[in-house]
Structure formats: structure tokens, C-alpha cells
Amino acid sequence: MRSNFFGLLKKNKKDKVTILEDLLFGTCIVSFLILVSIQAALLIPSVRDTFNLGDKSIGEPLSKDNYLYKQGQITLKMIGNEPDPTVKILVNGETVAIFENLIMKVNVNDGDVIEIDGSHSLIGHIVMVDSVSENISSECSTAAAKVNSNIQKLVKVQIY
């Protein structure tokens, strides 16, 4: 089938069908090119901001709606003779406590990740989960982490 999109060929009575096909084909090509050019333009942050098309998937934490999640408590114990206040307890990457005592209690939600930040400590430490509340999985109660001037993941909390 010969294309008559640009009207280069003579039209006769049989070409009415090909004119319709060419029109549909041309419409598809033009629509596709418009779609690709719009997608390319939206990759530029200033264009995206002009149309107020910010990323809506990046939200804010539910600070007031914390009651929606089940909460528990984990007791962490630093193995050693003296507490080290340079060692921090992180929950989801945010500092919630420092080891002022050898045993520290931390309130957690389901799915929280507890990490130990010893990046400012001069000596290594071992931190372990001493006890957990009854609604936290027993798998979490056996976690331990050795921290040597780094950030080490201790446990991901599972509440049932």
C-alpha cells in the first residue's frame, strides 16, 4: 500500500480509503511527537514548577496521626562498664536518644529501623536488644550490633 500522506501521488477514486488511513497515521505520529516533547519538557525542574507539578509522592510524616500505628518499646543495652554519650540511637535515621546510661528505652512503631551511630566514638561498642514489649516479634529480641566508628543497623521492628 502506498502512502499518500503528503499528497505527492495523484488521487483517484480508490484513494479515498488511503486518504483516511494517511490522516489517521499522521494524527498518530503528531500525537506521539507532542507526547514525547511534553515528557521531555517536564524533565526540566523549572518547567515542572511553572505548572505546579511537584512530586506529590514525597509527603510529610504523619506526626499528628501517630495513633494509627501500633507502638511498642525496646530496651537497648550497651555492653561495657561505662556508657558512651557519643553513641546515638537512630530510629528511621533520626536521633532519638544517646547512651547516657548502659540501658536505654526506645519507643518504636511497626516497621521502624533502629540503628546505632558510633561515628563520633573513639572506641568500639556492642549494643544489643535487652528486652522488648510483648507486642514486638521475638525475632527482634535477639538483635545485636557491633559499632566501630560507623552507623550499624540493629533491627527492623515487627509489631503484631
Protein backbone atom coordinates (compact mmCIF):
# COMPACT_ATOMS: atom_id res chain seq x y z
CA MET A 1 0.00 0.00 0.00
CA ARG A 2 1.48 3.35 -0.98
CA SER A 3 1.33 6.25 1.39
CA ASN A 4 -0.31 9.44 0.18
CA PHE A 5 0.26 11.43 3.35
CA PHE A 6 1.91 14.39 1.70
CA GLY A 7 -0.30 14.35 -1.39
CA LEU A 8 2.55 13.58 -3.74
CA LEU A 9 0.66 10.95 -5.68
CA LYS A 10 -2.37 11.56 -7.87
CA LYS A 11 -5.64 10.88 -6.17
CA ASN A 12 -8.21 8.76 -7.83
CA LYS A 13 -11.44 7.17 -6.65
CA LYS A 14 -9.67 4.21 -4.96
CA ASP A 15 -7.54 6.54 -2.85
CA LYS A 16 -10.39 7.70 -0.55
CA VAL A 17 -9.57 4.83 1.81
CA THR A 18 -5.84 5.58 1.72
CA ILE A 19 -6.53 9.26 2.45
CA LEU A 20 -8.34 8.23 5.65
CA GLU A 21 -5.51 5.84 6.57
CA ASP A 22 -2.93 8.55 5.92
CA LEU A 23 -4.89 11.01 8.02
CA LEU A 24 -5.07 8.55 10.95
CA PHE A 25 -1.39 7.66 10.56
CA GLY A 26 -0.39 11.33 10.52
CA THR A 27 -2.55 12.06 13.57
CA CYS A 28 -0.87 9.22 15.48
CA ILE A 29 2.62 10.45 14.57
CA VAL A 30 1.83 14.05 15.55
CA SER A 31 0.22 12.94 18.84
CA PHE A 32 3.22 10.78 19.66
CA LEU A 33 5.67 13.62 18.95
CA ILE A 34 3.63 16.01 21.13
CA LEU A 35 3.59 13.44 23.96
CA VAL A 36 7.36 12.89 23.76
CA SER A 37 8.08 16.63 23.68
CA ILE A 38 5.85 17.28 26.73
CA GLN A 39 7.52 14.46 28.67
CA ALA A 40 10.95 15.86 27.76
CA ALA A 41 9.90 19.35 28.87
CA LEU A 42 8.63 18.03 32.21
CA LEU A 43 12.10 16.67 32.98
CA ILE A 44 13.25 20.27 33.45
CA PRO A 45 12.52 21.30 37.07
CA SER A 46 11.71 24.94 36.22
CA VAL A 47 9.06 23.85 33.70
CA ARG A 48 7.59 21.42 36.24
CA ASP A 49 7.43 24.21 38.84
CA THR A 50 5.74 26.55 36.34
CA PHE A 51 2.83 24.14 36.01
CA ASN A 52 2.88 23.33 39.76
CA LEU A 53 3.52 19.66 39.05
CA GLY A 54 5.72 18.90 42.06
CA ASP A 55 6.27 15.33 43.14
CA LYS A 56 3.22 14.54 45.25
CA SER A 57 4.67 11.19 46.31
CA ILE A 58 7.05 13.00 48.64
CA GLY A 59 4.78 13.72 51.56
CA GLU A 60 5.16 14.72 55.15
CA PRO A 61 5.33 12.26 58.02
CA LEU A 62 2.13 11.67 59.91
CA SER A 63 3.11 13.46 63.08
CA LYS A 64 -0.41 14.03 64.40
CA ASP A 65 -1.66 10.66 63.18
CA ASN A 66 0.85 8.61 65.15
CA TYR A 67 -2.02 6.87 66.93
CA LEU A 68 -2.76 4.98 63.70
CA TYR A 69 0.30 2.79 64.20
CA LYS A 70 0.88 0.16 66.82
CA GLN A 71 3.60 1.19 69.23
CA GLY A 72 5.99 -0.82 71.31
CA GLN A 73 9.05 -0.34 73.46
CA ILE A 74 12.53 -1.77 73.04
CA THR A 75 15.20 -1.70 75.72
CA LEU A 76 18.73 -1.45 74.36
CA LYS A 77 21.82 -2.38 76.37
CA MET A 78 25.38 -1.29 75.75
CA ILE A 79 27.87 -3.98 76.72
CA GLY A 80 30.64 -2.46 78.81
CA ASN A 81 31.41 -0.76 82.09
CA GLU A 82 30.60 2.85 81.23
CA PRO A 83 28.04 4.49 78.94
CA ASP A 84 29.33 6.45 75.95
CA PRO A 85 27.26 9.58 75.22
CA THR A 86 28.84 9.87 71.78
CA VAL A 87 26.93 6.77 70.67
CA LYS A 88 23.46 7.66 69.38
CA ILE A 89 20.32 5.61 68.86
CA LEU A 90 18.69 6.33 65.50
CA VAL A 91 15.13 5.41 64.58
CA ASN A 92 14.49 5.73 60.84
CA GLY A 93 17.65 7.82 60.54
CA GLU A 94 16.75 10.37 63.21
CA THR A 95 18.47 10.62 66.58
CA VAL A 96 16.06 9.70 69.38
CA ALA A 97 18.47 9.08 72.26
CA ILE A 98 22.11 8.84 73.30
CA PHE A 99 23.63 6.27 75.61
CA GLU A 100 23.69 8.31 78.83
CA ASN A 101 23.18 5.02 80.70
CA LEU A 102 24.08 1.47 79.80
CA ILE A 103 20.39 0.64 79.34
CA MET A 104 18.11 2.86 77.25
CA LYS A 105 14.41 2.50 76.40
CA VAL A 106 13.13 3.50 72.96
CA ASN A 107 9.52 3.81 71.79
CA VAL A 108 9.05 2.36 68.30
CA ASN A 109 6.35 1.82 65.67
CA ASP A 110 5.82 -1.10 63.34
CA GLY A 111 8.40 -1.07 60.55
CA ASP A 112 10.85 1.28 62.27
CA VAL A 113 14.53 0.65 61.66
CA ILE A 114 16.79 1.05 64.68
CA GLU A 115 20.41 1.93 64.00
CA ILE A 116 23.34 2.68 66.28
CA ASP A 117 25.54 5.64 65.35
CA GLY A 118 29.03 5.30 66.75
CA SER A 119 30.67 7.56 64.17
CA HIS A 120 31.84 10.03 66.85
CA SER A 121 33.00 7.38 69.29
CA LEU A 122 36.71 6.62 69.62
CA ILE A 123 36.20 3.04 70.75
CA GLY A 124 34.04 0.17 69.53
CA HIS A 125 30.89 -0.91 71.30
CA ILE A 126 28.45 -3.78 71.22
CA VAL A 127 24.78 -2.86 71.56
CA MET A 128 22.09 -5.49 71.94
CA VAL A 129 18.36 -5.62 72.48
CA ASP A 130 17.85 -6.36 76.16
CA SER A 131 14.05 -6.69 76.14
CA VAL A 132 11.01 -5.90 74.02
CA SER A 133 7.35 -5.26 74.81
CA GLU A 134 5.01 -8.21 74.34
CA ASN A 135 3.60 -6.96 71.01
CA ILE A 136 7.02 -6.92 69.29
CA SER A 137 8.18 -10.03 67.44
CA SER A 138 10.59 -12.29 69.33
CA GLU A 139 12.96 -12.14 66.34
CA CYS A 140 13.71 -8.54 67.32
CA SER A 141 14.75 -9.53 70.85
CA THR A 142 17.92 -11.33 69.72
CA ALA A 143 19.44 -8.49 67.69
CA ALA A 144 22.92 -7.18 68.40
CA ALA A 145 25.28 -4.83 66.59
CA LYS A 146 29.00 -4.14 66.83
CA VAL A 147 29.74 -0.47 66.22
CA ASN A 148 33.24 0.75 65.34
CA SER A 149 33.08 4.44 64.38
CA ASN A 150 30.23 3.78 61.95
CA ILE A 151 26.47 3.51 61.74
CA GLN A 152 25.23 -0.04 62.12
CA LYS A 153 21.70 -1.35 61.64
CA LEU A 154 20.44 -3.10 64.75
CA VAL A 155 16.93 -4.30 63.91
CA LYS A 156 13.79 -3.62 61.89
CA VAL A 157 10.86 -3.64 64.28
CA GLN A 158 7.98 -6.03 63.61
CA ILE A 159 4.88 -5.49 65.69
CA TYR A 160 1.97 -7.92 65.58
